[in-house]
Structure formats: C-alpha cells, structure tokens
Protein backbone atom coordinates (compact mmCIF):
# COMPACT_ATOMS: atom_id res chain seq x y z
CA MET A 1 18.94 -39.05 174.16
CA ASN A 2 19.39 -42.51 172.73
CA LEU A 3 16.13 -44.48 174.51
CA PHE A 4 18.34 -47.53 173.69
CA ARG A 5 20.91 -46.68 175.60
CA LEU A 6 18.48 -45.86 178.39
CA ASN A 7 18.46 -48.78 181.64
CA ILE A 8 15.43 -50.55 182.74
CA TRP A 9 14.19 -47.38 185.56
CA ARG A 10 14.88 -44.99 183.09
CA LYS A 11 12.63 -46.53 180.30
CA ILE A 12 9.69 -47.32 183.04
CA ILE A 13 10.10 -43.02 185.05
CA LEU A 14 9.76 -42.38 180.32
CA VAL A 15 6.72 -44.67 179.91
CA VAL A 16 5.06 -43.49 183.47
CA PHE A 17 5.37 -40.13 182.72
CA ALA A 18 3.64 -39.78 178.56
CA LEU A 19 1.36 -42.46 180.28
CA SER A 20 0.36 -40.29 182.93
CA LEU A 21 0.26 -37.25 180.22
CA VAL A 22 -2.98 -39.06 178.54
CA LEU A 23 -4.16 -40.07 181.27
CA MET A 24 -4.65 -36.70 182.38
CA PHE A 25 -6.12 -35.23 179.12
CA GLY A 26 -7.41 -38.51 178.23
CA ILE A 27 -9.27 -39.06 180.84
CA ASP A 28 -12.82 -37.00 181.71
CA TRP A 29 -12.70 -36.46 185.33
CA GLY A 30 -14.73 -33.93 185.63
CA TYR A 31 -11.52 -32.07 186.52
CA HIS A 32 -10.31 -29.26 184.66
CA PHE A 33 -6.28 -29.96 184.31
CA HIS A 34 -4.26 -27.81 182.61
CA ILE A 35 0.39 -26.54 182.35
CA GLY A 36 0.66 -26.23 185.85
CA HIS A 37 -0.10 -29.79 186.69
CA VAL A 38 1.63 -31.18 183.88
CA VAL A 39 5.36 -28.96 185.66
CA ARG A 40 4.37 -30.83 188.56
CA ILE A 41 4.72 -34.34 186.68
CA ALA A 42 7.37 -32.75 185.13
CA VAL A 43 9.08 -31.90 188.44
CA GLY A 44 8.70 -35.36 189.90
CA MET A 45 10.05 -37.99 187.14
CA ALA A 46 13.41 -35.48 187.26
CA ALA A 47 13.37 -36.08 191.00
CA PHE A 48 12.96 -39.69 190.43
CA TRP A 49 15.55 -39.41 186.92
CA LEU A 50 18.30 -38.04 189.74
CA VAL A 51 17.45 -40.37 192.24
CA VAL A 52 18.03 -43.50 189.21
CA ASP A 53 21.50 -41.62 188.65
CA ARG A 54 22.26 -42.86 192.78
CA LEU A 55 21.65 -46.63 192.85
C-alpha cells in the first residue's frame, strides 16, 4: 500500500487508528486493555474505510 497515493480521508483514518492504539496502551487509565479492544478499533477503522469508498 502506497501511503502517498491515499486520499486525505484515508490518511486521517490511519493516523487516528495508530494514535488511538498508542494512547490506549501508553496512558495508564487504570483499566486493563487487551487485544479485543484493538480488534474492535480495527473493525471500526475498516467500517470508516468502506464509508470513504462510497464518498
């Protein structure tokens, strides 16, 4: 996947996905996050990715 050829919405989706993972595991919220949370965020990202296809 060539990141330079993606449109702005897809770049935003990828950046927000990566940032959410970093913040989720980097900040101590007092809650134990696990791989299930990553899967849910990835499914949400995929849903937005498909919505961008329709734009």
